[in-house]
């Protein structure tokens, strides 16, 4: 029987969780209007490698703000968007966070808290 050290197991679970978060972020980027640009040439690969991974970078090009998001791990690509796309992305993240909080609150109220449920001190 193969035994995997528990530290290695937890590291694998953490990496998988991070990858899932990055994928969800990329789904939101695409939905917000960011364009996926694959790093399919050596020049693009080099530029992608020079960028901070999984972070937004903004710069001004031709008097317009351009946002980029480098992903060298999941899609090996760059997401590029304008201010409107970035604003839509931030709105989607905010809405998603609100929905997650509402879901967590609903689950808390549905739990069997016994005598210690919400409002027990009234």
PDB file of N, CA and C in Angstrom:
ATOM      1  N   UNK A   1       0.848  -1.176   0.000  1.00  0.00           N
ATOM      2  CA  UNK A   1       0.000   0.000   0.000  1.00  0.00           C
ATOM      3  C   UNK A   1       0.891   1.236   0.000  1.00  0.00           C
ATOM      4  N   UNK A   2       0.583   2.176  -0.866  1.00  0.00           N
ATOM      5  CA  UNK A   2       1.334   3.420  -0.998  1.00  0.00           C
ATOM      6  C   UNK A   2       0.840   4.419   0.033  1.00  0.00           C
ATOM      7  N   UNK A   3       1.761   4.940   0.819  1.00  0.00           N
ATOM      8  CA  UNK A   3       1.394   5.943   1.823  1.00  0.00           C
ATOM      9  C   UNK A   3       1.908   7.298   1.367  1.00  0.00           C
ATOM     10  N   UNK A   4       1.025   8.261   1.345  1.00  0.00           N
ATOM     11  CA  UNK A   4       1.387   9.622   0.972  1.00  0.00           C
ATOM     12  C   UNK A   4       1.507  10.430   2.250  1.00  0.00           C
ATOM     13  N   UNK A   5       2.636  11.134   2.447  1.00  0.00           N
ATOM     14  CA  UNK A   5       2.768  11.961   3.649  1.00  0.00           C
ATOM     15  C   UNK A   5       1.649  12.999   3.706  1.00  0.00           C
ATOM     16  N   UNK A   6       1.128  13.216   4.899  1.00  0.00           N
ATOM     17  CA  UNK A   6      -0.016  14.113   5.048  1.00  0.00           C
ATOM     18  C   UNK A   6       0.307  15.531   4.586  1.00  0.00           C
ATOM     19  N   UNK A   7       1.540  15.996   4.792  1.00  0.00           N
ATOM     20  CA  UNK A   7       1.915  17.337   4.334  1.00  0.00           C
ATOM     21  C   UNK A   7       1.802  17.463   2.831  1.00  0.00           C
ATOM     22  N   UNK A   8       2.207  16.416   2.113  1.00  0.00           N
ATOM     23  CA  UNK A   8       2.119  16.416   0.663  1.00  0.00           C
ATOM     24  C   UNK A   8       0.667  16.402   0.203  1.00  0.00           C
ATOM     25  N   UNK A   9      -0.170  15.659   0.907  1.00  0.00           N
ATOM     26  CA  UNK A   9      -1.590  15.612   0.585  1.00  0.00           C
ATOM     27  C   UNK A   9      -2.217  16.998   0.725  1.00  0.00           C
ATOM     28  N   UNK A  10      -1.952  17.666   1.856  1.00  0.00           N
ATOM     29  CA  UNK A  10      -2.540  18.990   2.079  1.00  0.00           C
ATOM     30  C   UNK A  10      -2.014  20.017   1.089  1.00  0.00           C
ATOM     31  N   UNK A  11      -0.753  19.876   0.693  1.00  0.00           N
ATOM     32  CA  UNK A  11      -0.196  20.769  -0.324  1.00  0.00           C
ATOM     33  C   UNK A  11      -0.922  20.566  -1.653  1.00  0.00           C
ATOM     34  N   UNK A  12      -1.172  19.321  -2.014  1.00  0.00           N
ATOM     35  CA  UNK A  12      -1.886  19.030  -3.266  1.00  0.00           C
ATOM     36  C   UNK A  12      -3.301  19.591  -3.228  1.00  0.00           C
ATOM     37  N   UNK A  13      -3.967  19.482  -2.100  1.00  0.00           N
ATOM     38  CA  UNK A  13      -5.323  20.021  -1.964  1.00  0.00           C
ATOM     39  C   UNK A  13      -5.292  21.540  -2.078  1.00  0.00           C
ATOM     40  N   UNK A  14      -4.296  22.176  -1.462  1.00  0.00           N
ATOM     41  CA  UNK A  14      -4.189  23.637  -1.533  1.00  0.00           C
ATOM     42  C   UNK A  14      -3.933  24.097  -2.954  1.00  0.00           C
ATOM     43  N   UNK A  15      -3.058  23.402  -3.674  1.00  0.00           N
ATOM     44  CA  UNK A  15      -2.765  23.767  -5.064  1.00  0.00           C
ATOM     45  C   UNK A  15      -4.010  23.602  -5.925  1.00  0.00           C
ATOM     46  N   UNK A  16      -4.739  22.527  -5.719  1.00  0.00           N
ATOM     47  CA  UNK A  16      -5.977  22.314  -6.484  1.00  0.00           C
ATOM     48  C   UNK A  16      -6.989  23.412  -6.183  1.00  0.00           C
ATOM     49  N   UNK A  17      -7.073  23.826  -4.936  1.00  0.00           N
ATOM     50  CA  UNK A  17      -7.989  24.902  -4.573  1.00  0.00           C
ATOM     51  C   UNK A  17      -7.609  26.216  -5.220  1.00  0.00           C
ATOM     52  N   UNK A  18      -6.311  26.496  -5.270  1.00  0.00           N
ATOM     53  CA  UNK A  18      -5.846  27.728  -5.920  1.00  0.00           C
ATOM     54  C   UNK A  18      -6.158  27.696  -7.414  1.00  0.00           C
ATOM     55  N   UNK A  19      -5.927  26.557  -8.040  1.00  0.00           N
ATOM     56  CA  UNK A  19      -6.202  26.434  -9.470  1.00  0.00           C
ATOM     57  C   UNK A  19      -7.686  26.647  -9.753  1.00  0.00           C
ATOM     58  N   UNK A  20      -8.538  26.135  -8.882  1.00  0.00           N
ATOM     59  CA  UNK A  20      -9.985  26.336  -9.064  1.00  0.00           C
ATOM     60  C   UNK A  20     -10.344  27.808  -8.929  1.00  0.00           C
ATOM     61  N   UNK A  21      -9.713  28.508  -7.988  1.00  0.00           N
ATOM     62  CA  UNK A  21      -9.980  29.940  -7.829  1.00  0.00           C
ATOM     63  C   UNK A  21      -9.532  30.719  -9.054  1.00  0.00           C
ATOM     64  N   UNK A  22      -8.376  30.340  -9.615  1.00  0.00           N
ATOM     65  CA  UNK A  22      -7.882  31.020 -10.817  1.00  0.00           C
ATOM     66  C   UNK A  22      -8.830  30.773 -11.977  1.00  0.00           C
ATOM     67  N   UNK A  23      -9.313  29.538 -12.135  1.00  0.00           N
ATOM     68  CA  UNK A  23     -10.260  29.232 -13.214  1.00  0.00           C
ATOM     69  C   UNK A  23     -11.536  30.055 -13.079  1.00  0.00           C
ATOM     70  N   UNK A  24     -12.039  30.181 -11.850  1.00  0.00           N
ATOM     71  CA  UNK A  24     -13.249  30.974 -11.630  1.00  0.00           C
ATOM     72  C   UNK A  24     -12.997  32.434 -11.977  1.00  0.00           C
ATOM     73  N   UNK A  25     -11.820  32.928 -11.615  1.00  0.00           N
ATOM     74  CA  UNK A  25     -11.478  34.309 -11.929  1.00  0.00           C
ATOM     75  C   UNK A  25     -11.438  34.510 -13.434  1.00  0.00           C
ATOM     76  N   UNK A  26     -10.868  33.537 -14.137  1.00  0.00           N
ATOM     77  CA  UNK A  26     -10.772  33.646 -15.589  1.00  0.00           C
ATOM     78  C   UNK A  26     -12.140  33.571 -16.250  1.00  0.00           C
ATOM     79  N   UNK A  27     -13.044  32.790 -15.693  1.00  0.00           N
ATOM     80  CA  UNK A  27     -14.415  32.773 -16.214  1.00  0.00           C
ATOM     81  C   UNK A  27     -15.045  34.149 -16.080  1.00  0.00           C
ATOM     82  N   UNK A  28     -14.819  34.800 -14.942  1.00  0.00           N
ATOM     83  CA  UNK A  28     -15.346  36.145 -14.735  1.00  0.00           C
ATOM     84  C   UNK A  28     -14.696  37.143 -15.682  1.00  0.00           C
ATOM     85  N   UNK A  29     -13.400  36.997 -15.927  1.00  0.00           N
ATOM     86  CA  UNK A  29     -12.713  37.894 -16.860  1.00  0.00           C
ATOM     87  C   UNK A  29     -13.320  37.796 -18.253  1.00  0.00           C
ATOM     88  N   UNK A  30     -13.512  36.577 -18.718  1.00  0.00           N
ATOM     89  CA  UNK A  30     -14.089  36.383 -20.049  1.00  0.00           C
ATOM     90  C   UNK A  30     -15.507  36.945 -20.116  1.00  0.00           C
ATOM     91  N   UNK A  31     -16.285  36.707 -19.081  1.00  0.00           N
ATOM     92  CA  UNK A  31     -17.660  37.208 -19.062  1.00  0.00           C
ATOM     93  C   UNK A  31     -17.706  38.738 -19.028  1.00  0.00           C
ATOM     94  N   UNK A  32     -16.690  39.349 -18.430  1.00  0.00           N
ATOM     95  CA  UNK A  32     -16.658  40.805 -18.316  1.00  0.00           C
ATOM     96  C   UNK A  32     -16.197  41.490 -19.593  1.00  0.00           C
ATOM     97  N   UNK A  33     -15.686  40.724 -20.538  1.00  0.00           N
ATOM     98  CA  UNK A  33     -15.271  41.307 -21.808  1.00  0.00           C
ATOM     99  C   UNK A  33     -13.784  41.346 -22.049  1.00  0.00           C
ATOM    100  N   UNK A  34     -13.004  40.691 -21.193  1.00  0.00           N
ATOM    101  CA  UNK A  34     -11.572  40.607 -21.447  1.00  0.00           C
ATOM    102  C   UNK A  34     -11.326  39.649 -22.606  1.00  0.00           C
ATOM    103  N   UNK A  35     -10.308  39.936 -23.398  1.00  0.00           N
ATOM    104  CA  UNK A  35      -9.948  39.106 -24.533  1.00  0.00           C
ATOM    105  C   UNK A  35      -8.791  38.198 -24.146  1.00  0.00           C
ATOM    106  N   UNK A  36      -8.905  36.917 -24.454  1.00  0.00           N
ATOM    107  CA  UNK A  36      -7.847  35.958 -24.192  1.00  0.00           C
ATOM    108  C   UNK A  36      -6.848  36.002 -25.346  1.00  0.00           C
ATOM    109  N   UNK A  37      -5.582  36.233 -25.013  1.00  0.00           N
ATOM    110  CA  UNK A  37      -4.520  36.254 -26.017  1.00  0.00           C
ATOM    111  C   UNK A  37      -3.551  35.127 -25.663  1.00  0.00           C
ATOM    112  N   UNK A  38      -3.500  34.056 -26.461  1.00  0.00           N
ATOM    113  CA  UNK A  38      -2.618  32.934 -26.131  1.00  0.00           C
ATOM    114  C   UNK A  38      -1.144  33.307 -26.304  1.00  0.00           C
ATOM    115  N   UNK A  39      -0.318  32.724 -25.450  1.00  0.00           N
ATOM    116  CA  UNK A  39       1.132  32.912 -25.568  1.00  0.00           C
ATOM    117  C   UNK A  39       1.652  31.802 -26.474  1.00  0.00           C
ATOM    118  N   UNK A  40       1.360  31.927 -27.759  1.00  0.00           N
ATOM    119  CA  UNK A  40       1.645  30.842 -28.704  1.00  0.00           C
ATOM    120  C   UNK A  40       2.869  31.090 -29.579  1.00  0.00           C
ATOM    121  N   UNK A  41       3.671  32.077 -29.228  1.00  0.00           N
ATOM    122  CA  UNK A  41       4.938  32.310 -29.924  1.00  0.00           C
ATOM    123  C   UNK A  41       6.025  32.489 -28.866  1.00  0.00           C
ATOM    124  N   UNK A  42       7.270  32.261 -29.228  1.00  0.00           N
ATOM    125  CA  UNK A  42       8.355  32.457 -28.256  1.00  0.00           C
ATOM    126  C   UNK A  42       8.393  33.887 -27.696  1.00  0.00           C
ATOM    127  N   UNK A  43       8.092  34.873 -28.530  1.00  0.00           N
ATOM    128  CA  UNK A  43       8.085  36.261 -28.067  1.00  0.00           C
ATOM    129  C   UNK A  43       6.987  36.475 -27.020  1.00  0.00           C
ATOM    130  N   UNK A  44       5.797  35.952 -27.281  1.00  0.00           N
ATOM    131  CA  UNK A  44       4.697  36.095 -26.324  1.00  0.00           C
ATOM    132  C   UNK A  44       4.999  35.326 -25.032  1.00  0.00           C
ATOM    133  N   UNK A  45       5.614  34.138 -25.178  1.00  0.00           N
ATOM    134  CA  UNK A  45       5.989  33.355 -23.994  1.00  0.00           C
ATOM    135  C   UNK A  45       6.942  34.153 -23.109  1.00  0.00           C
ATOM    136  N   UNK A  46       7.913  34.803 -23.723  1.00  0.00           N
ATOM    137  CA  UNK A  46       8.884  35.594 -22.964  1.00  0.00           C
ATOM    138  C   UNK A  46       8.211  36.779 -22.269  1.00  0.00           C
ATOM    139  N   UNK A  47       7.316  37.457 -22.972  1.00  0.00           N
ATOM    140  CA  UNK A  47       6.615  38.593 -22.363  1.00  0.00           C
ATOM    141  C   UNK A  47       5.707  38.134 -21.231  1.00  0.00           C
ATOM    142  N   UNK A  48       5.025  37.005 -21.411  1.00  0.00           N
ATOM    143  CA  UNK A  48       4.156  36.473 -20.365  1.00  0.00           C
ATOM    144  C   UNK A  48       4.974  36.110 -19.129  1.00  0.00           C
ATOM    145  N   UNK A  49       6.134  35.510 -19.337  1.00  0.00           N
ATOM    146  CA  UNK A  49       6.993  35.113 -18.219  1.00  0.00           C
ATOM    147  C   UNK A  49       7.509  36.320 -17.442  1.00  0.00           C
ATOM    148  N   UNK A  50       7.618  37.461 -18.103  1.00  0.00           N
ATOM    149  CA  UNK A  50       8.123  38.673 -17.448  1.00  0.00           C
ATOM    150  C   UNK A  50       7.051  39.396 -16.640  1.00  0.00           C
ATOM    151  N   UNK A  51       5.799  39.009 -16.800  1.00  0.00           N
ATOM    152  CA  UNK A  51       4.701  39.687 -16.112  1.00  0.00           C
ATOM    153  C   UNK A  51       4.403  39.008 -14.775  1.00  0.00           C
ATOM    154  N   UNK A  52       3.864  39.771 -13.821  1.00  0.00           N
ATOM    155  CA  UNK A  52       3.470  39.134 -12.552  1.00  0.00           C
ATOM    156  C   UNK A  52       2.277  38.206 -12.782  1.00  0.00           C
ATOM    157  N   UNK A  53       2.385  36.938 -12.375  1.00  0.00           N
ATOM    158  CA  UNK A  53       1.293  35.994 -12.635  1.00  0.00           C
ATOM    159  C   UNK A  53       0.068  36.258 -11.757  1.00  0.00           C
ATOM    160  N   UNK A  54      -1.099  36.102 -12.368  1.00  0.00           N
ATOM    161  CA  UNK A  54      -2.389  36.173 -11.677  1.00  0.00           C
ATOM    162  C   UNK A  54      -2.595  37.493 -10.942  1.00  0.00           C
ATOM    163  N   UNK A  55      -2.142  38.568 -11.555  1.00  0.00           N
ATOM    164  CA  UNK A  55      -2.317  39.910 -11.000  1.00  0.00           C
ATOM    165  C   UNK A  55      -2.693  40.860 -12.134  1.00  0.00           C
ATOM    166  N   UNK A  56      -3.512  41.851 -11.798  1.00  0.00           N
ATOM    167  CA  UNK A  56      -3.852  42.868 -12.786  1.00  0.00           C
ATOM    168  C   UNK A  56      -2.723  43.878 -12.904  1.00  0.00           C
ATOM    169  N   UNK A  57      -2.432  44.255 -14.124  1.00  0.00           N
ATOM    170  CA  UNK A  57      -1.483  45.325 -14.412  1.00  0.00           C
ATOM    171  C   UNK A  57      -2.209  46.298 -15.323  1.00  0.00           C
ATOM    172  N   UNK A  58      -2.144  47.573 -14.995  1.00  0.00           N
ATOM    173  CA  UNK A  58      -2.786  48.541 -15.882  1.00  0.00           C
ATOM    174  C   UNK A  58      -1.732  49.503 -16.405  1.00  0.00           C
ATOM    175  N   UNK A  59      -1.956  49.940 -17.618  1.00  0.00           N
ATOM    176  CA  UNK A  59      -1.074  50.898 -18.265  1.00  0.00           C
ATOM    177  C   UNK A  59      -1.897  51.741 -19.235  1.00  0.00           C
ATOM    178  N   UNK A  60      -1.323  52.847 -19.629  1.00  0.00           N
ATOM    179  CA  UNK A  60      -2.009  53.730 -20.561  1.00  0.00           C
ATOM    180  C   UNK A  60      -1.371  53.562 -21.936  1.00  0.00           C
ATOM    181  N   UNK A  61      -2.222  53.253 -22.921  1.00  0.00           N
ATOM    182  CA  UNK A  61      -1.787  53.127 -24.319  1.00  0.00           C
ATOM    183  C   UNK A  61      -2.708  53.985 -25.175  1.00  0.00           C
ATOM    184  N   UNK A  62      -2.137  54.895 -25.930  1.00  0.00           N
ATOM    185  CA  UNK A  62      -2.921  55.779 -26.807  1.00  0.00           C
ATOM    186  C   UNK A  62      -4.040  56.483 -26.036  1.00  0.00           C
ATOM    187  N   UNK A  63      -3.711  56.997 -24.871  1.00  0.00           N
ATOM    188  CA  UNK A  63      -4.650  57.732 -24.020  1.00  0.00           C
ATOM    189  C   UNK A  63      -5.807  56.881 -23.501  1.00  0.00           C
ATOM    190  N   UNK A  64      -5.647  55.580 -23.481  1.00  0.00           N
ATOM    191  CA  UNK A  64      -6.682  54.689 -22.948  1.00  0.00           C
ATOM    192  C   UNK A  64      -6.024  53.739 -21.941  1.00  0.00           C
ATOM    193  N   UNK A  65      -6.742  53.459 -20.866  1.00  0.00           N
ATOM    194  CA  UNK A  65      -6.243  52.524 -19.863  1.00  0.00           C
ATOM    195  C   UNK A  65      -6.497  51.098 -20.352  1.00  0.00           C
ATOM    196  N   UNK A  66      -5.460  50.276 -20.282  1.00  0.00           N
ATOM    197  CA  UNK A  66      -5.551  48.871 -20.680  1.00  0.00           C
ATOM    198  C   UNK A  66      -5.164  48.019 -19.474  1.00  0.00           C
ATOM    199  N   UNK A  67      -5.997  47.040 -19.156  1.00  0.00           N
ATOM    200  CA  UNK A  67      -5.723  46.125 -18.052  1.00  0.00           C
ATOM    201  C   UNK A  67      -5.308  44.774 -18.632  1.00  0.00           C
ATOM    202  N   UNK A  68      -4.265  44.190 -18.037  1.00  0.00           N
ATOM    203  CA  UNK A  68      -3.826  42.855 -18.444  1.00  0.00           C
ATOM    204  C   UNK A  68      -3.776  41.964 -17.213  1.00  0.00           C
ATOM    205  N   UNK A  69      -4.012  40.684 -17.439  1.00  0.00           N
ATOM    206  CA  UNK A  69      -3.972  39.671 -16.390  1.00  0.00           C
ATOM    207  C   UNK A  69      -3.241  38.468 -16.980  1.00  0.00           C
ATOM    208  N   UNK A  70      -2.052  38.186 -16.467  1.00  0.00           N
ATOM    209  CA  UNK A  70      -1.223  37.103 -16.998  1.00  0.00           C
ATOM    210  C   UNK A  70      -1.538  35.790 -16.294  1.00  0.00           C
ATOM    211  N   UNK A  71      -1.745  34.737 -17.082  1.00  0.00           N
ATOM    212  CA  UNK A  71      -1.965  33.407 -16.527  1.00  0.00           C
ATOM    213  C   UNK A  71      -1.010  32.406 -17.181  1.00  0.00           C
ATOM    214  N   UNK A  72       0.166  32.212 -16.585  1.00  0.00           N
ATOM    215  CA  UNK A  72       1.112  31.246 -17.148  1.00  0.00           C
ATOM    216  C   UNK A  72       0.830  29.808 -16.727  1.00  0.00           C
ATOM    217  N   UNK A  73      -0.116  29.581 -15.801  1.00  0.00           N
ATOM    218  CA  UNK A  73      -0.317  28.231 -15.279  1.00  0.00           C
ATOM    219  C   UNK A  73      -1.527  27.502 -15.845  1.00  0.00           C
ATOM    220  N   UNK A  74      -2.662  28.161 -15.979  1.00  0.00           N
ATOM    221  CA  UNK A  74      -3.876  27.474 -16.417  1.00  0.00           C
ATOM    222  C   UNK A  74      -4.009  27.499 -17.937  1.00  0.00           C
ATOM    223  N   UNK A  75      -4.032  28.693 -18.532  1.00  0.00           N
ATOM    224  CA  UNK A  75      -4.269  28.774 -19.979  1.00  0.00           C
ATOM    225  C   UNK A  75      -3.022  29.191 -20.756  1.00  0.00           C
ATOM    226  N   UNK A  76      -1.954  29.556 -20.069  1.00  0.00           N
ATOM    227  CA  UNK A  76      -0.731  30.035 -20.727  1.00  0.00           C
ATOM    228  C   UNK A  76      -1.108  31.172 -21.691  1.00  0.00           C
ATOM    229  N   UNK A  77      -1.752  32.196 -21.094  1.00  0.00           N
ATOM    230  CA  UNK A  77      -2.297  33.263 -21.913  1.00  0.00           C
ATOM    231  C   UNK A  77      -2.302  34.578 -21.144  1.00  0.00           C
ATOM    232  N   UNK A  78      -2.740  35.611 -21.836  1.00  0.00           N
ATOM    233  CA  UNK A  78      -2.885  36.940 -21.272  1.00  0.00           C
ATOM    234  C   UNK A  78      -4.315  37.392 -21.533  1.00  0.00           C
ATOM    235  N   UNK A  79      -4.974  37.925 -20.514  1.00  0.00           N
ATOM    236  CA  UNK A  79      -6.288  38.522 -20.686  1.00  0.00           C
ATOM    237  C   UNK A  79      -6.089  40.022 -20.803  1.00  0.00           C
ATOM    238  N   UNK A  80      -6.711  40.643 -21.793  1.00  0.00           N
ATOM    239  CA  UNK A  80      -6.560  42.074 -22.049  1.00  0.00           C
ATOM    240  C   UNK A  80      -7.943  42.696 -22.099  1.00  0.00           C
ATOM    241  N   UNK A  81      -8.094  43.818 -21.368  1.00  0.00           N
ATOM    242  CA  UNK A  81      -9.376  44.503 -21.364  1.00  0.00           C
ATOM    243  C   UNK A  81      -9.223  45.989 -21.120  1.00  0.00           C
ATOM    244  N   UNK A  82     -10.297  46.716 -21.394  1.00  0.00           N
ATOM    245  CA  UNK A  82     -10.297  48.164 -21.172  1.00  0.00           C
ATOM    246  C   UNK A  82     -10.907  48.471 -19.800  1.00  0.00           C
ATOM    247  N   UNK A  83     -11.074  49.760 -19.537  1.00  0.00           N
ATOM    248  CA  UNK A  83     -11.621  50.180 -18.238  1.00  0.00           C
ATOM    249  C   UNK A  83     -13.029  49.633 -18.026  1.00  0.00           C
ATOM    250  N   UNK A  84     -13.842  49.625 -19.071  1.00  0.00           N
ATOM    251  CA  UNK A  84     -15.212  49.117 -18.940  1.00  0.00           C
ATOM    252  C   UNK A  84     -15.216  47.632 -18.577  1.00  0.00           C
ATOM    253  N   UNK A  85     -14.342  46.844 -19.197  1.00  0.00           N
ATOM    254  CA  UNK A  85     -14.255  45.415 -18.890  1.00  0.00           C
ATOM    255  C   UNK A  85     -13.799  45.210 -17.444  1.00  0.00           C
ATOM    256  N   UNK A  86     -12.830  45.998 -17.015  1.00  0.00           N
ATOM    257  CA  UNK A  86     -12.353  45.885 -15.639  1.00  0.00           C
ATOM    258  C   UNK A  86     -13.469  46.255 -14.651  1.00  0.00           C
ATOM    259  N   UNK A  87     -14.208  47.311 -14.944  1.00  0.00           N
ATOM    260  CA  UNK A  87     -15.315  47.711 -14.075  1.00  0.00           C
ATOM    261  C   UNK A  87     -16.382  46.615 -13.997  1.00  0.00           C
ATOM    262  N   UNK A  88     -16.711  45.997 -15.140  1.00  0.00           N
ATOM    263  CA  UNK A  88     -17.684  44.891 -15.143  1.00  0.00           C
ATOM    264  C   UNK A  88     -17.149  43.715 -14.319  1.00  0.00           C
ATOM    265  N   UNK A  89     -15.859  43.428 -14.464  1.00  0.00           N
ATOM    266  CA  UNK A  89     -15.252  42.343 -13.692  1.00  0.00           C
ATOM    267  C   UNK A  89     -15.393  42.618 -12.191  1.00  0.00           C
ATOM    268  N   UNK A  90     -15.074  43.838 -11.751  1.00  0.00           N
ATOM    269  CA  UNK A  90     -15.167  44.195 -10.329  1.00  0.00           C
ATOM    270  C   UNK A  90     -16.618  44.093  -9.840  1.00  0.00           C
ATOM    271  N   UNK A  91     -17.575  44.497 -10.675  1.00  0.00           N
ATOM    272  CA  UNK A  91     -18.988  44.387 -10.291  1.00  0.00           C
ATOM    273  C   UNK A  91     -19.390  42.918 -10.127  1.00  0.00           C
ATOM    274  N   UNK A  92     -18.914  42.064 -11.049  1.00  0.00           N
ATOM    275  CA  UNK A  92     -19.226  40.632 -10.965  1.00  0.00           C
ATOM    276  C   UNK A  92     -18.615  40.007  -9.716  1.00  0.00           C
ATOM    277  N   UNK A  93     -17.396  40.385  -9.384  1.00  0.00           N
ATOM    278  CA  UNK A  93     -16.743  39.863  -8.178  1.00  0.00           C
ATOM    279  C   UNK A  93     -17.526  40.301  -6.942  1.00  0.00           C
ATOM    280  N   UNK A  94     -17.937  41.563  -6.910  1.00  0.00           N
ATOM    281  CA  UNK A  94     -18.710  42.074  -5.785  1.00  0.00           C
ATOM    282  C   UNK A  94     -20.036  41.312  -5.655  1.00  0.00           C
ATOM    283  N   UNK A  95     -20.737  41.140  -6.761  1.00  0.00           N
ATOM    284  CA  UNK A  95     -22.015  40.417  -6.743  1.00  0.00           C
ATOM    285  C   UNK A  95     -21.818  38.970  -6.309  1.00  0.00           C
ATOM    286  N   UNK A  96     -20.747  38.352  -6.767  1.00  0.00           N
ATOM    287  CA  UNK A  96     -20.463  36.964  -6.387  1.00  0.00           C
ATOM    288  C   UNK A  96     -20.175  36.855  -4.896  1.00  0.00           C
ATOM    289  N   UNK A  97     -19.433  37.806  -4.363  1.00  0.00           N
ATOM    290  CA  UNK A  97     -19.143  37.801  -2.926  1.00  0.00           C
ATOM    291  C   UNK A  97     -20.415  37.972  -2.100  1.00  0.00           C
ATOM    292  N   UNK A  98     -21.298  38.860  -2.540  1.00  0.00           N
ATOM    293  CA  UNK A  98     -22.579  39.053  -1.842  1.00  0.00           C
ATOM    294  C   UNK A  98     -23.394  37.758  -1.879  1.00  0.00           C
ATOM    295  N   UNK A  99     -23.448  37.126  -3.042  1.00  0.00           N
ATOM    296  CA  UNK A  99     -24.207  35.877  -3.169  1.00  0.00           C
ATOM    297  C   UNK A  99     -23.621  34.789  -2.274  1.00  0.00           C
ATOM    298  N   UNK A 100     -22.298  34.703  -2.207  1.00  0.00           N
ATOM    299  CA  UNK A 100     -21.659  33.708  -1.344  1.00  0.00           C
ATOM    300  C   UNK A 100     -21.978  33.961   0.126  1.00  0.00           C
ATOM    301  N   UNK A 101     -21.961  35.234   0.541  1.00  0.00           N
ATOM    302  CA  UNK A 101     -22.287  35.573   1.920  1.00  0.00           C
ATOM    303  C   UNK A 101     -23.745  35.241   2.234  1.00  0.00           C
ATOM    304  N   UNK A 102     -24.641  35.524   1.295  1.00  0.00           N
ATOM    305  CA  UNK A 102     -26.050  35.210   1.511  1.00  0.00           C
ATOM    306  C   UNK A 102     -26.257  33.704   1.627  1.00  0.00           C
ATOM    307  N   UNK A 103     -25.545  32.945   0.794  1.00  0.00           N
ATOM    308  CA  UNK A 103     -25.650  31.484   0.851  1.00  0.00           C
ATOM    309  C   UNK A 103     -25.136  30.960   2.190  1.00  0.00           C
ATOM    310  N   UNK A 104     -24.012  31.489   2.661  1.00  0.00           N
ATOM    311  CA  UNK A 104     -23.459  31.059   3.946  1.00  0.00           C
ATOM    312  C   UNK A 104     -24.411  31.396   5.084  1.00  0.00           C
ATOM    313  N   UNK A 105     -25.024  32.571   5.034  1.00  0.00           N
ATOM    314  CA  UNK A 105     -25.979  32.965   6.064  1.00  0.00           C
ATOM    315  C   UNK A 105     -27.197  32.054   6.048  1.00  0.00           C
ATOM    316  N   UNK A 106     -27.698  31.754   4.863  1.00  0.00           N
ATOM    317  CA  UNK A 106     -28.851  30.851   4.749  1.00  0.00           C
ATOM    318  C   UNK A 106     -28.510  29.475   5.310  1.00  0.00           C
ATOM    319  N   UNK A 107     -27.313  28.986   5.027  1.00  0.00           N
ATOM    320  CA  UNK A 107     -26.905  27.675   5.551  1.00  0.00           C
ATOM    321  C   UNK A 107     -26.777  27.709   7.069  1.00  0.00           C
ATOM    322  N   UNK A 108     -26.279  28.825   7.623  1.00  0.00           N
ATOM    323  CA  UNK A 108     -26.170  28.950   9.078  1.00  0.00           C
ATOM    324  C   UNK A 108     -27.542  28.870   9.734  1.00  0.00           C
ATOM    325  N   UNK A 109     -28.531  29.529   9.138  1.00  0.00           N
ATOM    326  CA  UNK A 109     -29.861  29.526   9.718  1.00  0.00           C
ATOM    327  C   UNK A 109     -30.565  28.186   9.557  1.00  0.00           C
ATOM    328  N   UNK A 110     -30.139  27.375   8.609  1.00  0.00           N
ATOM    329  CA  UNK A 110     -30.755  26.069   8.409  1.00  0.00           C
ATOM    330  C   UNK A 110     -30.105  24.994   9.275  1.00  0.00           C
ATOM    331  N   UNK A 111     -28.936  25.295   9.839  1.00  0.00           N
ATOM    332  CA  UNK A 111     -28.257  24.300  10.675  1.00  0.00           C
ATOM    333  C   UNK A 111     -29.049  24.036  11.941  1.00  0.00           C
ATOM    334  N   UNK A 112     -28.871  22.861  12.489  1.00  0.00           N
ATOM    335  CA  UNK A 112     -29.480  22.534  13.774  1.00  0.00           C
ATOM    336  C   UNK A 112     -28.518  23.006  14.863  1.00  0.00           C
ATOM    337  N   UNK A 113     -28.796  24.184  15.389  1.00  0.00           N
ATOM    338  CA  UNK A 113     -27.927  24.770  16.406  1.00  0.00           C
ATOM    339  C   UNK A 113     -28.320  24.330  17.811  1.00  0.00           C
ATOM    340  N   UNK A 114     -29.357  23.534  17.927  1.00  0.00           N
ATOM    341  CA  UNK A 114     -29.814  23.163  19.264  1.00  0.00           C
ATOM    342  C   UNK A 114     -30.256  24.412  20.007  1.00  0.00           C
ATOM    343  N   UNK A 115     -29.866  24.537  21.249  1.00  0.00           N
ATOM    344  CA  UNK A 115     -30.211  25.707  22.049  1.00  0.00           C
ATOM    345  C   UNK A 115     -29.319  26.898  21.791  1.00  0.00           C
ATOM    346  N   UNK A 116     -28.327  26.755  20.916  1.00  0.00           N
ATOM    347  CA  UNK A 116     -27.353  27.825  20.690  1.00  0.00           C
ATOM    348  C   UNK A 116     -27.488  28.459  19.321  1.00  0.00           C
ATOM    349  N   UNK A 117     -28.617  28.339  18.702  1.00  0.00           N
ATOM    350  CA  UNK A 117     -28.827  28.899  17.376  1.00  0.00           C
ATOM    351  C   UNK A 117     -28.882  30.411  17.386  1.00  0.00           C
ATOM    352  N   UNK A 118     -28.950  30.991  16.197  1.00  0.00           N
ATOM    353  CA  UNK A 118     -29.030  32.435  16.107  1.00  0.00           C
ATOM    354  C   UNK A 118     -30.222  32.958  16.913  1.00  0.00           C
ATOM    355  N   UNK A 119     -29.980  33.963  17.710  1.00  0.00           N
ATOM    356  CA  UNK A 119     -31.035  34.570  18.501  1.00  0.00           C
ATOM    357  C   UNK A 119     -31.286  33.893  19.843  1.00  0.00           C
ATOM    358  N   UNK A 120     -30.470  32.935  20.263  1.00  0.00           N
ATOM    359  CA  UNK A 120     -30.699  32.218  21.513  1.00  0.00           C
ATOM    360  C   UNK A 120     -30.649  33.134  22.720  1.00  0.00           C
ATOM    361  N   UNK A 121     -29.992  34.266  22.606  1.00  0.00           N
ATOM    362  CA  UNK A 121     -29.797  35.143  23.747  1.00  0.00           C
ATOM    363  C   UNK A 121     -30.929  36.163  23.897  1.00  0.00           C
ATOM    364  N   UNK A 122     -31.965  36.083  23.081  1.00  0.00           N
ATOM    365  CA  UNK A 122     -33.084  37.033  23.220  1.00  0.00           C
ATOM    366  C   UNK A 122     -34.060  36.547  24.233  1.00  0.00           C
TER     367      UNK A 122
END
